[in-house]
């Protein structure tokens, strides 16, 4: 196994700068997820690590070895793509063993490795089947098995669950998490789905427009986002953002208010009286109630209520035309058009520059 070090990595296609100076340290055995919106450069960054894209500038180290000019096959990596890329005319066994056969690995060793990978991925009973006779989840497990038997130093996953339905994605997330625990391998996983990132990662790298916005543990990114982009990207439903004006500054607390938000003091720095700002509050931290000393209040009228059984998601239309969501952890009835107030603890709110 091996760790990785990315130092000021850049990638340009002509005049277009895609990766703009990325620095990341990945420890041996760590599960790291690259997450961000479409076009942010996460897949390009993964392909640079794999050797499928040239590095324009900067350095890539796998273990202690600089790999900028090293051939992909010599880097000790295995990659699982979004498409399963299985040979339709070969059995599961032959698909998994194909790479080892090409490298002239002894048959006895191939047999041992394939059987071990099949055991780990629960594919023992499917080794004689062809891809056409497998479900989507089974095909993805075969693609992962093909990577496992190479015994790579680093596993690379490029949105491997995008082609699966919601139920299968959940099952495969659990399989990949279990696989990481069993193998103890270094894994880098690319996704645009922040739920996958939160549930799988030891460490998340949030990318936007080719730049790293924040690196940290999932819970740290959720509770302490570095900026508004990270705050809005991590969490589902996304954080509420409401325009406010600063009315007071005192001892590290900034008092804000608006037609939507009653006057409330938030811990923040770098603001002056009269500044415009953006208040961020997660939908899960809003609860039904009335104004009390020390609590923040968001007012509006109900535009939609989604009763999901275990929770109710309420959409508010505010006096200033803004939209806010509240997630109530129970089944509750809300009448469309009715006026409501939701309260929140100021310690859980965030304040961003407008």
Protein backbone atom coordinates (compact mmCIF):
# COMPACT_ATOMS: atom_id res chain seq x y z
CA UNK A 1 0.00 0.00 0.00
CA UNK A 2 1.03 3.63 -0.40
CA UNK A 3 0.09 7.21 0.31
CA UNK A 4 -0.01 10.02 -2.24
CA UNK A 5 1.20 13.60 -2.38
CA UNK A 6 -0.04 16.14 -4.91
CA UNK A 7 2.04 19.30 -5.05
CA UNK A 8 0.79 22.33 -6.98
CA UNK A 9 -0.70 20.10 -9.70
CA UNK A 10 -1.93 21.94 -12.78
CA UNK A 11 -3.65 20.79 -15.94
CA UNK A 12 -4.30 22.91 -18.99
CA UNK A 13 -5.91 22.09 -22.32
CA UNK A 14 -4.49 24.82 -24.53
CA UNK A 15 -5.35 28.12 -22.87
CA UNK A 16 -8.04 26.54 -20.67
CA UNK A 17 -6.83 25.99 -17.10
CA UNK A 18 -8.71 22.97 -15.66
CA UNK A 19 -6.72 22.12 -12.51
CA UNK A 20 -5.29 25.26 -10.90
CA UNK A 21 -2.60 24.36 -8.41
CA UNK A 22 -3.90 21.52 -6.23
CA UNK A 23 -2.07 20.45 -3.04
CA UNK A 24 -3.32 17.30 -1.28
CA UNK A 25 -1.69 14.79 1.07
CA UNK A 26 -3.31 11.33 1.25
CA UNK A 27 -2.12 8.96 3.94
CA UNK A 28 -1.51 5.24 3.41
CA UNK A 29 -4.80 3.37 3.90
CA UNK A 30 -6.95 6.52 3.82
CA UNK A 31 -10.30 6.72 2.02
CA UNK A 32 -10.42 10.12 0.31
CA UNK A 33 -13.36 11.41 -1.71
CA UNK A 34 -13.06 14.13 -4.36
CA UNK A 35 -16.43 15.85 -4.52
CA UNK A 36 -17.79 18.82 -6.41
CA UNK A 37 -20.24 19.86 -9.15
CA UNK A 38 -19.96 18.72 -12.74
CA UNK A 39 -17.02 20.38 -14.47
CA UNK A 40 -15.08 21.14 -11.28
CA UNK A 41 -12.09 19.00 -12.39
CA UNK A 42 -12.43 16.04 -10.01
CA UNK A 43 -12.36 13.33 -12.71
CA UNK A 44 -9.50 15.10 -14.52
CA UNK A 45 -7.54 15.11 -11.25
CA UNK A 46 -8.19 11.38 -10.79
CA UNK A 47 -7.06 10.67 -14.36
CA UNK A 48 -3.86 12.62 -13.72
CA UNK A 49 -3.16 10.36 -10.73
CA UNK A 50 -3.88 7.31 -12.91
CA UNK A 51 -1.57 8.53 -15.67
CA UNK A 52 -4.38 8.86 -18.21
CA UNK A 53 -3.87 12.65 -18.41
CA UNK A 54 -0.50 14.39 -18.62
CA UNK A 55 0.46 16.74 -15.79
CA UNK A 56 1.02 20.29 -17.06
CA UNK A 57 2.89 21.43 -13.93
CA UNK A 58 3.51 20.32 -10.36
CA UNK A 59 4.49 16.96 -8.88
CA UNK A 60 2.68 13.70 -8.14
CA UNK A 61 4.19 11.25 -5.66
CA UNK A 62 2.84 7.75 -4.99
CA UNK A 63 4.69 6.55 -1.93
CA UNK A 64 8.10 8.19 -2.22
CA UNK A 65 8.30 7.94 -6.01
CA UNK A 66 7.63 10.84 -8.36
CA UNK A 67 5.21 9.55 -10.99
CA UNK A 68 4.72 12.47 -13.40
CA UNK A 69 6.25 10.64 -16.36
CA UNK A 70 5.64 7.06 -15.23
CA UNK A 71 3.46 4.78 -17.37
CA UNK A 72 0.00 3.99 -15.85
CA UNK A 73 0.79 0.27 -15.60
CA UNK A 74 3.88 1.00 -13.49
CA UNK A 75 2.18 3.22 -10.90
CA UNK A 76 0.70 0.44 -8.79
CA UNK A 77 -2.86 1.71 -9.20
CA UNK A 78 -6.13 0.09 -10.27
CA UNK A 79 -9.07 2.10 -11.56
CA UNK A 80 -12.81 1.37 -11.51
CA UNK A 81 -14.74 3.42 -14.05
CA UNK A 82 -18.33 4.65 -14.20
CA UNK A 83 -18.97 2.18 -17.04
CA UNK A 84 -18.33 -1.42 -16.03
CA UNK A 85 -16.21 -2.05 -19.17
CA UNK A 86 -16.66 -5.83 -18.97
CA UNK A 87 -16.00 -8.15 -21.92
CA UNK A 88 -19.48 -9.47 -22.84
CA UNK A 89 -18.19 -12.74 -24.34
CA UNK A 90 -16.17 -13.69 -21.24
CA UNK A 91 -17.36 -15.20 -17.97
CA UNK A 92 -17.03 -13.38 -14.65
CA UNK A 93 -13.95 -15.50 -13.89
CA UNK A 94 -12.30 -14.65 -17.21
CA UNK A 95 -13.17 -10.94 -16.91
CA UNK A 96 -11.56 -10.78 -13.50
CA UNK A 97 -8.48 -12.76 -14.51
CA UNK A 98 -7.93 -11.10 -17.92
CA UNK A 99 -5.23 -8.65 -16.79
CA UNK A 100 -3.28 -11.32 -14.93
CA UNK A 101 -3.49 -13.65 -17.92
CA UNK A 102 -2.03 -10.95 -20.18
CA UNK A 103 0.85 -10.42 -17.75
CA UNK A 104 1.53 -14.19 -17.83
CA UNK A 105 0.84 -14.73 -14.13
CA UNK A 106 0.95 -18.45 -13.23
CA UNK A 107 -2.46 -20.14 -13.45
CA UNK A 108 -2.35 -21.32 -9.85
CA UNK A 109 -1.83 -17.77 -8.62
CA UNK A 110 -4.59 -16.47 -10.89
CA UNK A 111 -6.95 -19.09 -9.45
CA UNK A 112 -6.06 -18.12 -5.89
CA UNK A 113 -6.48 -14.39 -6.50
CA UNK A 114 -9.78 -14.70 -8.37
CA UNK A 115 -11.27 -17.00 -5.73
CA UNK A 116 -10.18 -14.64 -2.95
CA UNK A 117 -11.64 -11.59 -4.71
CA UNK A 118 -14.85 -13.51 -5.40
CA UNK A 119 -15.10 -14.39 -1.70
CA UNK A 120 -14.61 -10.78 -0.62
CA UNK A 121 -17.24 -9.53 -3.11
CA UNK A 122 -19.65 -12.47 -2.70
CA UNK A 123 -19.28 -13.51 -6.35
CA UNK A 124 -18.40 -17.20 -5.83
CA UNK A 125 -21.66 -18.47 -7.34
CA UNK A 126 -21.46 -16.12 -10.34
CA UNK A 127 -18.00 -16.95 -11.71
CA UNK A 128 -19.37 -19.00 -14.64
CA UNK A 129 -21.93 -16.38 -15.72
CA UNK A 130 -21.50 -13.79 -18.43
CA UNK A 131 -22.17 -10.06 -17.89
CA UNK A 132 -25.53 -10.21 -19.71
CA UNK A 133 -26.81 -12.48 -16.94
CA UNK A 134 -25.82 -10.16 -14.10
CA UNK A 135 -27.57 -7.24 -12.42
CA UNK A 136 -26.03 -3.76 -12.44
CA UNK A 137 -24.74 -4.18 -8.90
CA UNK A 138 -23.19 -7.55 -9.72
CA UNK A 139 -21.45 -6.12 -12.79
CA UNK A 140 -20.01 -3.31 -10.69
CA UNK A 141 -18.70 -5.84 -8.18
CA UNK A 142 -17.01 -7.74 -11.02
CA UNK A 143 -15.34 -4.49 -12.14
CA UNK A 144 -14.14 -3.93 -8.56
CA UNK A 145 -12.97 -7.56 -8.37
CA UNK A 146 -10.89 -7.05 -11.50
CA UNK A 147 -9.13 -4.23 -9.64
CA UNK A 148 -8.69 -6.19 -6.40
CA UNK A 149 -6.85 -9.13 -7.93
CA UNK A 150 -4.09 -6.82 -9.20
CA UNK A 151 -3.25 -6.02 -5.55
CA UNK A 152 -2.65 -2.34 -6.30
CA UNK A 153 -1.11 0.19 -3.93
CA UNK A 154 -3.97 2.62 -4.65
CA UNK A 155 -7.58 2.10 -5.78
CA UNK A 156 -9.17 4.83 -7.92
CA UNK A 157 -12.98 5.00 -8.31
CA UNK A 158 -14.48 7.33 -10.93
CA UNK A 159 -18.20 7.73 -10.06
CA UNK A 160 -18.67 3.94 -9.95
CA UNK A 161 -22.27 4.01 -8.70
CA UNK A 162 -23.77 6.56 -11.09
CA UNK A 163 -25.41 3.90 -13.28
CA UNK A 164 -27.22 2.18 -10.39
CA UNK A 165 -30.65 2.88 -8.94
CA UNK A 166 -31.02 4.38 -5.44
CA UNK A 167 -31.42 1.08 -3.57
CA UNK A 168 -28.44 -0.54 -5.33
CA UNK A 169 -26.32 2.56 -4.72
CA UNK A 170 -26.92 2.25 -1.01
CA UNK A 171 -26.00 -1.45 -1.07
CA UNK A 172 -22.84 -0.79 -3.08
CA UNK A 173 -21.81 2.07 -0.77
CA UNK A 174 -21.92 -0.40 2.09
CA UNK A 175 -19.95 -2.93 0.02
CA UNK A 176 -17.22 -0.41 -0.82
CA UNK A 177 -16.98 0.73 2.82
CA UNK A 178 -16.67 -2.90 3.94
CA UNK A 179 -14.10 -3.56 1.22
CA UNK A 180 -11.95 -0.65 2.40
CA UNK A 181 -12.08 -1.89 5.98
CA UNK A 182 -11.15 -5.44 4.94
CA UNK A 183 -8.34 -4.51 2.54
CA UNK A 184 -7.01 -1.48 4.41
CA UNK A 185 -6.05 -0.02 1.03
CA UNK A 186 -5.60 3.59 -0.02
CA UNK A 187 -8.72 4.57 -1.97
CA UNK A 188 -9.57 7.73 -3.91
CA UNK A 189 -13.21 8.06 -4.91
CA UNK A 190 -14.72 10.67 -7.23
CA UNK A 191 -18.40 11.59 -6.99
CA UNK A 192 -20.75 14.55 -7.40
CA UNK A 193 -23.05 12.98 -4.77
CA UNK A 194 -22.30 14.56 -1.40
CA UNK A 195 -24.22 11.76 0.40
CA UNK A 196 -21.66 9.25 -0.94
CA UNK A 197 -18.89 11.57 0.15
CA UNK A 198 -20.25 11.98 3.68
CA UNK A 199 -20.87 8.26 4.23
CA UNK A 200 -17.69 6.81 2.70
CA UNK A 201 -14.84 9.24 3.31
CA UNK A 202 -12.19 9.47 5.98
CA UNK A 203 -11.36 12.79 4.33
CA UNK A 204 -13.24 14.88 1.76
CA UNK A 205 -11.66 17.18 -0.81
CA UNK A 206 -14.20 19.74 -2.06
CA UNK A 207 -13.35 21.07 -5.52
CA UNK A 208 -14.79 23.92 -7.53
CA UNK A 209 -13.51 25.33 -10.82
CA UNK A 210 -10.26 23.39 -10.53
CA UNK A 211 -9.39 24.65 -7.05
CA UNK A 212 -9.57 23.01 -3.63
CA UNK A 213 -12.17 24.79 -1.50
CA UNK A 214 -11.71 22.75 1.67
CA UNK A 215 -10.16 19.49 2.89
CA UNK A 216 -11.26 17.76 6.07
CA UNK A 217 -13.29 15.10 7.83
CA UNK A 218 -16.92 14.89 6.68
CA UNK A 219 -18.33 16.13 10.00
CA UNK A 220 -15.89 19.07 10.06
CA UNK A 221 -16.97 20.18 6.58
CA UNK A 222 -20.59 19.87 7.64
CA UNK A 223 -20.25 21.82 10.89
CA UNK A 224 -17.44 24.23 9.96
CA UNK A 225 -17.55 24.99 6.23
CA UNK A 226 -14.70 27.22 5.08
CA UNK A 227 -16.87 29.27 2.74
CA UNK A 228 -20.33 29.60 1.29
CA UNK A 229 -19.64 27.18 -1.56
CA UNK A 230 -18.74 24.34 0.82
CA UNK A 231 -21.65 25.21 3.11
CA UNK A 232 -24.09 24.95 0.20
CA UNK A 233 -22.60 21.82 -1.32
CA UNK A 234 -22.25 19.65 1.79
CA UNK A 235 -25.57 18.68 3.39
CA UNK A 236 -28.95 17.55 2.06
CA UNK A 237 -31.20 19.47 1.69
CA UNK A 238 -28.69 22.25 1.13
CA UNK A 239 -28.15 25.02 3.66
CA UNK A 240 -30.58 27.95 3.66
CA UNK A 241 -28.97 31.25 2.63
CA UNK A 242 -30.80 34.46 3.60
CA UNK A 243 -29.79 38.06 2.91
CA UNK A 244 -29.38 40.09 6.10
CA UNK A 245 -27.91 43.41 7.21
CA UNK A 246 -25.46 43.89 10.06
CA UNK A 247 -27.01 46.09 12.81
CA UNK A 248 -24.43 45.63 15.55
CA UNK A 249 -20.91 44.33 16.29
CA UNK A 250 -19.76 43.51 19.82
CA UNK A 251 -17.18 41.13 21.36
CA UNK A 252 -16.96 38.73 18.42
CA UNK A 253 -20.74 38.64 17.88
CA UNK A 254 -22.44 40.19 14.87
CA UNK A 255 -26.11 41.13 15.16
CA UNK A 256 -28.06 40.76 11.93
CA UNK A 257 -31.67 41.12 10.83
CA UNK A 258 -33.90 41.37 7.76
CA UNK A 259 -37.60 41.25 6.89
CA UNK A 260 -37.23 37.46 7.05
CA UNK A 261 -34.91 37.06 10.04
CA UNK A 262 -35.58 38.56 13.48
CA UNK A 263 -32.62 40.29 15.13
CA UNK A 264 -30.09 37.69 16.26
CA UNK A 265 -26.42 37.68 17.30
CA UNK A 266 -24.07 35.30 15.42
CA UNK A 267 -20.43 34.56 16.26
CA UNK A 268 -18.43 36.05 13.36
CA UNK A 269 -15.64 38.49 12.56
CA UNK A 270 -14.76 40.91 9.80
CA UNK A 271 -18.12 42.70 9.59
CA UNK A 272 -19.10 46.32 10.25
CA UNK A 273 -22.45 47.92 11.01
CA UNK A 274 -24.39 48.44 7.79
CA UNK A 275 -22.69 45.60 5.87
CA UNK A 276 -24.77 43.25 3.81
CA UNK A 277 -24.22 39.59 4.72
CA UNK A 278 -25.63 36.13 4.09
CA UNK A 279 -26.97 34.07 6.99
CA UNK A 280 -26.64 30.29 6.59
CA UNK A 281 -28.84 27.89 8.57
CA UNK A 282 -29.21 24.17 7.91
CA UNK A 283 -32.83 23.00 7.39
CA UNK A 284 -32.40 20.26 10.03
CA UNK A 285 -31.59 22.85 12.70
CA UNK A 286 -34.87 24.77 12.33
CA UNK A 287 -37.72 23.90 14.67
CA UNK A 288 -41.22 25.23 15.02
CA UNK A 289 -41.56 27.88 17.70
CA UNK A 290 -41.85 31.55 18.55
CA UNK A 291 -39.27 34.21 19.24
CA UNK A 292 -37.43 33.82 22.53
CA UNK A 293 -34.42 35.67 23.95
CA UNK A 294 -31.22 34.41 22.34
CA UNK A 295 -32.89 32.38 19.57
CA UNK A 296 -32.96 33.24 15.89
CA UNK A 297 -36.31 33.36 14.08
CA UNK A 298 -37.15 32.86 10.39
CA UNK A 299 -40.64 33.89 9.29
CA UNK A 300 -42.58 33.00 6.16
CA UNK A 301 -45.62 31.33 4.65
CA UNK A 302 -45.81 27.64 3.76
CA UNK A 303 -45.55 27.08 0.01
CA UNK A 304 -45.15 23.28 0.14
CA UNK A 305 -45.03 20.57 2.79
CA UNK A 306 -43.66 17.11 1.96
CA UNK A 307 -44.76 14.52 4.53
CA UNK A 308 -42.31 11.63 4.26
CA UNK A 309 -43.44 9.69 7.33
CA UNK A 310 -40.25 9.87 9.40
CA UNK A 311 -39.86 13.60 8.65
CA UNK A 312 -41.62 16.56 7.09
CA UNK A 313 -39.87 18.98 4.72
CA UNK A 314 -41.47 22.43 4.76
CA UNK A 315 -40.76 25.03 2.08
CA UNK A 316 -41.24 28.65 3.11
CA UNK A 317 -41.79 31.76 1.02
CA UNK A 318 -40.49 34.76 2.93
CA UNK A 319 -41.63 38.38 2.90
CA UNK A 320 -38.60 39.35 0.80
CA UNK A 321 -39.31 36.60 -1.76
CA UNK A 322 -36.56 34.28 -0.52
CA UNK A 323 -37.06 30.54 -0.11
CA UNK A 324 -36.13 28.51 2.96
CA UNK A 325 -36.49 24.85 3.90
CA UNK A 326 -37.11 23.31 7.32
CA UNK A 327 -36.78 19.59 8.06
CA UNK A 328 -39.02 18.53 10.93
CA UNK A 329 -38.01 15.10 12.37
CA UNK A 330 -41.61 13.86 12.61
CA UNK A 331 -44.83 13.72 10.64
CA UNK A 332 -46.59 17.04 11.00
CA UNK A 333 -49.36 18.80 9.07
CA UNK A 334 -48.70 22.25 7.59
CA UNK A 335 -51.40 24.15 5.68
CA UNK A 336 -50.26 25.73 2.41
CA UNK A 337 -50.37 29.53 2.72
CA UNK A 338 -50.27 29.57 6.52
CA UNK A 339 -47.82 31.87 8.33
CA UNK A 340 -45.17 30.07 10.37
CA UNK A 341 -42.10 30.85 12.44
CA UNK A 342 -39.08 28.59 12.85
CA UNK A 343 -36.43 29.15 15.50
CA UNK A 344 -32.77 28.14 15.54
CA UNK A 345 -29.80 28.24 17.89
CA UNK A 346 -27.41 31.05 16.83
CA UNK A 347 -24.40 28.83 17.61
CA UNK A 348 -25.44 26.55 14.72
CA UNK A 349 -25.73 29.37 12.16
CA UNK A 350 -23.05 30.74 9.83
CA UNK A 351 -22.45 34.21 8.48
CA UNK A 352 -20.86 34.81 5.08
CA UNK A 353 -19.88 38.01 3.30
CA UNK A 354 -22.37 39.06 0.65
